[in-house]
Amino acid sequence: MSTPLAMKDWPLWEVFVRSKQGLEHKHCGSLHASDAPHALQMARDVYTRRQEGVSIWVIPSHLIAASDPDEKDQLFEPASDKIYRHPTFYEIPEEVGHM
């Protein structure tokens, strides 16, 4: 018979909840759980106590790839010289109306 993992040895999960008002899932925190169903149950109990969510995502933290904030200039600076990415200089004809 295998011994269950102690709570301190459970993997870390990131929790994302989609609220009733929103379309996107928003990160709301982290928790330790033994597996995905357990993480979903704990996320429901911890992050949607007031029935504010309609959908929950959980993902093991080690599967998330993130950029390094110290390298933001390298990653985001090249986009600033491409003015066509932010077409604020175009004039919209009046017959088009509000966009």
N, C-alpha and C. Protein backbone atom coordinates (compact mmCIF):
# COMPACT_ATOMS: atom_id res chain seq x y z
N MET A 1 0.85 -1.19 0.00
CA MET A 1 0.00 0.00 0.00
C MET A 1 0.89 1.24 0.00
N SER A 2 0.65 2.15 -0.94
CA SER A 2 1.47 3.36 -1.02
C SER A 2 1.00 4.39 0.00
N THR A 3 1.95 5.18 0.46
CA THR A 3 1.64 6.22 1.44
C THR A 3 1.25 7.49 0.70
N PRO A 4 0.13 8.14 1.07
CA PRO A 4 -0.24 9.38 0.39
C PRO A 4 0.77 10.48 0.69
N LEU A 5 0.91 11.39 -0.26
CA LEU A 5 1.81 12.52 -0.06
C LEU A 5 1.34 13.38 1.11
N ALA A 6 2.28 13.83 1.89
CA ALA A 6 1.93 14.77 2.95
C ALA A 6 1.54 16.08 2.29
N MET A 7 0.69 16.84 2.96
CA MET A 7 0.18 18.08 2.38
C MET A 7 1.30 19.00 1.92
N LYS A 8 2.39 19.05 2.66
CA LYS A 8 3.51 19.93 2.29
C LYS A 8 4.21 19.47 1.01
N ASP A 9 4.00 18.21 0.65
CA ASP A 9 4.62 17.66 -0.56
C ASP A 9 3.70 17.73 -1.78
N TRP A 10 2.46 18.18 -1.59
CA TRP A 10 1.54 18.29 -2.71
C TRP A 10 2.05 19.37 -3.67
N PRO A 11 1.83 19.18 -4.97
CA PRO A 11 2.26 20.21 -5.93
C PRO A 11 1.44 21.50 -5.80
N LEU A 12 2.06 22.58 -6.24
CA LEU A 12 1.41 23.89 -6.23
C LEU A 12 0.60 24.05 -7.51
N TRP A 13 -0.62 24.56 -7.39
CA TRP A 13 -1.53 24.77 -8.51
C TRP A 13 -1.88 26.25 -8.58
N GLU A 14 -2.00 26.79 -9.79
CA GLU A 14 -2.47 28.16 -10.00
C GLU A 14 -3.95 28.09 -10.34
N VAL A 15 -4.71 29.01 -9.78
CA VAL A 15 -6.17 28.99 -9.92
C VAL A 15 -6.64 30.20 -10.71
N PHE A 16 -7.49 29.95 -11.70
CA PHE A 16 -8.08 31.00 -12.53
C PHE A 16 -9.60 30.84 -12.46
N VAL A 17 -10.31 31.94 -12.23
CA VAL A 17 -11.77 31.89 -12.11
C VAL A 17 -12.38 32.86 -13.11
N ARG A 18 -13.45 32.42 -13.78
CA ARG A 18 -14.22 33.32 -14.64
C ARG A 18 -15.45 33.73 -13.85
N SER A 19 -15.59 35.03 -13.68
CA SER A 19 -16.72 35.54 -12.90
C SER A 19 -17.98 35.57 -13.74
N LYS A 20 -19.08 35.83 -13.10
CA LYS A 20 -20.36 35.93 -13.81
C LYS A 20 -20.38 37.10 -14.77
N GLN A 21 -19.65 38.17 -14.42
CA GLN A 21 -19.66 39.37 -15.25
C GLN A 21 -18.65 39.29 -16.40
N GLY A 22 -17.59 38.53 -16.25
CA GLY A 22 -16.51 38.57 -17.22
C GLY A 22 -16.50 37.42 -18.20
N LEU A 23 -15.74 37.61 -19.28
CA LEU A 23 -15.58 36.57 -20.28
C LEU A 23 -14.28 35.82 -20.10
N GLU A 24 -13.30 36.45 -19.46
CA GLU A 24 -11.99 35.84 -19.33
C GLU A 24 -11.79 35.28 -17.92
N HIS A 25 -10.94 34.28 -17.82
CA HIS A 25 -10.56 33.75 -16.52
C HIS A 25 -9.47 34.66 -15.96
N LYS A 26 -9.52 34.93 -14.66
CA LYS A 26 -8.53 35.77 -14.01
C LYS A 26 -7.83 34.97 -12.92
N HIS A 27 -6.52 35.18 -12.84
CA HIS A 27 -5.76 34.49 -11.81
C HIS A 27 -6.18 35.02 -10.45
N CYS A 28 -6.50 34.12 -9.53
CA CYS A 28 -6.92 34.58 -8.21
C CYS A 28 -6.05 34.02 -7.10
N GLY A 29 -5.15 33.12 -7.40
CA GLY A 29 -4.26 32.64 -6.35
C GLY A 29 -3.68 31.27 -6.64
N SER A 30 -3.05 30.74 -5.61
CA SER A 30 -2.39 29.44 -5.70
C SER A 30 -2.83 28.58 -4.53
N LEU A 31 -2.70 27.27 -4.69
CA LEU A 31 -2.97 26.35 -3.60
C LEU A 31 -2.23 25.04 -3.83
N HIS A 32 -2.06 24.28 -2.76
CA HIS A 32 -1.44 22.96 -2.85
C HIS A 32 -2.56 21.92 -2.86
N ALA A 33 -2.46 20.96 -3.78
CA ALA A 33 -3.45 19.89 -3.88
C ALA A 33 -2.76 18.64 -4.42
N SER A 34 -3.35 17.48 -4.15
CA SER A 34 -2.73 16.21 -4.54
C SER A 34 -2.85 15.92 -6.04
N ASP A 35 -3.97 16.37 -6.66
CA ASP A 35 -4.17 16.13 -8.09
C ASP A 35 -5.17 17.16 -8.62
N ALA A 36 -5.49 17.07 -9.92
CA ALA A 36 -6.35 18.07 -10.56
C ALA A 36 -7.77 18.10 -9.97
N PRO A 37 -8.44 16.96 -9.79
CA PRO A 37 -9.78 17.03 -9.19
C PRO A 37 -9.76 17.63 -7.78
N HIS A 38 -8.74 17.28 -7.03
CA HIS A 38 -8.61 17.83 -5.67
C HIS A 38 -8.36 19.33 -5.74
N ALA A 39 -7.54 19.78 -6.70
CA ALA A 39 -7.26 21.22 -6.86
C ALA A 39 -8.53 21.98 -7.24
N LEU A 40 -9.34 21.40 -8.12
CA LEU A 40 -10.62 22.03 -8.50
C LEU A 40 -11.54 22.17 -7.30
N GLN A 41 -11.64 21.11 -6.50
CA GLN A 41 -12.51 21.15 -5.33
C GLN A 41 -12.02 22.20 -4.33
N MET A 42 -10.71 22.22 -4.08
CA MET A 42 -10.17 23.19 -3.14
C MET A 42 -10.31 24.62 -3.67
N ALA A 43 -10.11 24.80 -4.98
CA ALA A 43 -10.25 26.13 -5.58
C ALA A 43 -11.69 26.62 -5.45
N ARG A 44 -12.64 25.73 -5.67
CA ARG A 44 -14.05 26.10 -5.49
C ARG A 44 -14.31 26.54 -4.06
N ASP A 45 -13.80 25.78 -3.10
CA ASP A 45 -14.03 26.09 -1.69
C ASP A 45 -13.34 27.38 -1.25
N VAL A 46 -12.15 27.63 -1.78
CA VAL A 46 -11.37 28.78 -1.33
C VAL A 46 -11.70 30.06 -2.10
N TYR A 47 -11.85 29.96 -3.43
CA TYR A 47 -11.94 31.16 -4.26
C TYR A 47 -13.34 31.49 -4.77
N THR A 48 -14.32 30.63 -4.55
CA THR A 48 -15.68 30.96 -5.02
C THR A 48 -16.70 30.72 -3.91
N ARG A 49 -16.36 31.14 -2.71
CA ARG A 49 -17.24 30.92 -1.55
C ARG A 49 -18.56 31.65 -1.69
N ARG A 50 -18.57 32.76 -2.38
CA ARG A 50 -19.80 33.56 -2.50
C ARG A 50 -20.48 33.36 -3.85
N GLN A 51 -20.23 32.24 -4.49
CA GLN A 51 -20.82 31.87 -5.77
C GLN A 51 -20.56 32.91 -6.86
N GLU A 52 -19.36 33.53 -6.82
CA GLU A 52 -19.04 34.56 -7.81
C GLU A 52 -18.46 34.00 -9.10
N GLY A 53 -18.20 32.71 -9.18
CA GLY A 53 -17.60 32.15 -10.37
C GLY A 53 -18.54 31.28 -11.17
N VAL A 54 -18.24 31.16 -12.46
CA VAL A 54 -19.00 30.25 -13.32
C VAL A 54 -18.10 29.17 -13.92
N SER A 55 -16.77 29.36 -13.80
CA SER A 55 -15.82 28.40 -14.35
C SER A 55 -14.50 28.54 -13.61
N ILE A 56 -13.85 27.41 -13.36
CA ILE A 56 -12.54 27.40 -12.69
C ILE A 56 -11.56 26.61 -13.53
N TRP A 57 -10.36 27.16 -13.67
CA TRP A 57 -9.24 26.45 -14.27
C TRP A 57 -8.18 26.28 -13.20
N VAL A 58 -7.53 25.12 -13.16
CA VAL A 58 -6.36 24.91 -12.31
C VAL A 58 -5.26 24.32 -13.19
N ILE A 59 -4.05 24.76 -12.94
CA ILE A 59 -2.91 24.27 -13.71
C ILE A 59 -1.71 24.15 -12.77
N PRO A 60 -0.95 23.07 -12.90
CA PRO A 60 0.24 22.95 -12.05
C PRO A 60 1.20 24.12 -12.33
N SER A 61 1.67 24.73 -11.27
CA SER A 61 2.53 25.92 -11.41
C SER A 61 3.77 25.65 -12.25
N HIS A 62 4.31 24.45 -12.15
CA HIS A 62 5.56 24.16 -12.88
C HIS A 62 5.35 24.10 -14.40
N LEU A 63 4.11 24.06 -14.86
CA LEU A 63 3.85 24.04 -16.30
C LEU A 63 3.71 25.44 -16.91
N ILE A 64 3.72 26.46 -16.09
CA ILE A 64 3.58 27.82 -16.59
C ILE A 64 4.95 28.37 -16.97
N ALA A 65 5.07 28.84 -18.19
CA ALA A 65 6.30 29.49 -18.65
C ALA A 65 6.06 31.00 -18.59
N ALA A 66 7.00 31.71 -18.01
CA ALA A 66 6.82 33.15 -17.84
C ALA A 66 8.08 33.89 -18.25
N SER A 67 7.89 35.11 -18.72
CA SER A 67 9.03 35.95 -19.06
C SER A 67 9.64 36.51 -17.77
N ASP A 68 10.89 36.90 -17.86
CA ASP A 68 11.60 37.49 -16.73
C ASP A 68 11.37 39.00 -16.74
N PRO A 69 10.81 39.58 -15.68
CA PRO A 69 10.57 41.03 -15.66
C PRO A 69 11.84 41.86 -15.91
N ASP A 70 13.00 41.32 -15.57
CA ASP A 70 14.25 42.04 -15.81
C ASP A 70 14.60 42.13 -17.30
N GLU A 71 13.97 41.29 -18.11
CA GLU A 71 14.24 41.28 -19.55
C GLU A 71 13.12 41.94 -20.36
N LYS A 72 12.32 42.79 -19.70
CA LYS A 72 11.17 43.39 -20.39
C LYS A 72 11.59 44.27 -21.55
N ASP A 73 12.71 44.98 -21.44
CA ASP A 73 13.15 45.83 -22.55
C ASP A 73 13.43 45.00 -23.79
N GLN A 74 14.11 43.90 -23.64
CA GLN A 74 14.41 43.03 -24.78
C GLN A 74 13.14 42.47 -25.39
N LEU A 75 12.21 42.09 -24.55
CA LEU A 75 11.01 41.41 -25.02
C LEU A 75 9.99 42.35 -25.64
N PHE A 76 9.79 43.53 -25.04
CA PHE A 76 8.71 44.42 -25.47
C PHE A 76 9.17 45.66 -26.23
N GLU A 77 10.38 46.06 -26.08
CA GLU A 77 10.87 47.28 -26.72
C GLU A 77 10.82 47.23 -28.25
N PRO A 78 11.15 46.12 -28.90
CA PRO A 78 11.12 46.10 -30.37
C PRO A 78 9.77 46.47 -30.97
N ALA A 79 8.69 46.32 -30.24
CA ALA A 79 7.36 46.63 -30.77
C ALA A 79 7.11 48.13 -30.88
N SER A 80 7.84 48.94 -30.14
CA SER A 80 7.57 50.38 -30.13
C SER A 80 7.95 51.06 -31.45
N ASP A 81 8.81 50.44 -32.25
CA ASP A 81 9.20 51.07 -33.52
C ASP A 81 8.27 50.65 -34.67
N LYS A 82 7.25 49.89 -34.39
CA LYS A 82 6.30 49.44 -35.41
C LYS A 82 4.99 50.19 -35.22
N ILE A 83 4.92 51.40 -35.76
CA ILE A 83 3.77 52.26 -35.52
C ILE A 83 2.47 51.69 -36.08
N TYR A 84 2.57 50.79 -37.05
CA TYR A 84 1.36 50.23 -37.63
C TYR A 84 0.62 49.32 -36.65
N ARG A 85 1.25 48.92 -35.57
CA ARG A 85 0.57 48.07 -34.59
C ARG A 85 -0.44 48.85 -33.76
N HIS A 86 -0.30 50.15 -33.72
CA HIS A 86 -1.24 51.02 -33.01
C HIS A 86 -1.68 52.12 -33.96
N PRO A 87 -2.64 51.84 -34.83
CA PRO A 87 -3.02 52.78 -35.89
C PRO A 87 -3.85 53.96 -35.39
N THR A 88 -3.25 54.77 -34.54
CA THR A 88 -3.98 55.92 -33.99
C THR A 88 -3.92 57.13 -34.92
N PHE A 89 -3.14 57.06 -35.98
CA PHE A 89 -2.98 58.20 -36.88
C PHE A 89 -3.92 58.15 -38.08
N TYR A 90 -4.77 57.11 -38.17
CA TYR A 90 -5.73 57.04 -39.27
C TYR A 90 -6.95 57.89 -38.96
N GLU A 91 -7.48 58.54 -39.99
CA GLU A 91 -8.72 59.29 -39.83
C GLU A 91 -9.88 58.41 -40.26
N ILE A 92 -10.91 58.37 -39.43
CA ILE A 92 -12.09 57.55 -39.71
C ILE A 92 -13.15 58.44 -40.33
N PRO A 93 -13.66 58.06 -41.52
CA PRO A 93 -14.71 58.87 -42.15
C PRO A 93 -15.95 58.94 -41.26
N GLU A 94 -16.65 60.06 -41.31
CA GLU A 94 -17.83 60.26 -40.47
C GLU A 94 -18.91 59.22 -40.71
N GLU A 95 -19.06 58.76 -41.97
CA GLU A 95 -20.11 57.79 -42.27
C GLU A 95 -19.86 56.43 -41.61
N VAL A 96 -18.64 56.18 -41.18
CA VAL A 96 -18.35 54.92 -40.48
C VAL A 96 -18.95 54.95 -39.08
N GLY A 97 -18.98 56.09 -38.46
CA GLY A 97 -19.52 56.20 -37.11
C GLY A 97 -18.48 55.85 -36.07
N HIS A 98 -18.95 55.52 -34.90
CA HIS A 98 -18.05 55.21 -33.79
C HIS A 98 -17.51 53.79 -33.91
N MET A 99 -16.22 53.65 -33.76
CA MET A 99 -15.61 52.31 -33.80
C MET A 99 -15.15 51.91 -32.43
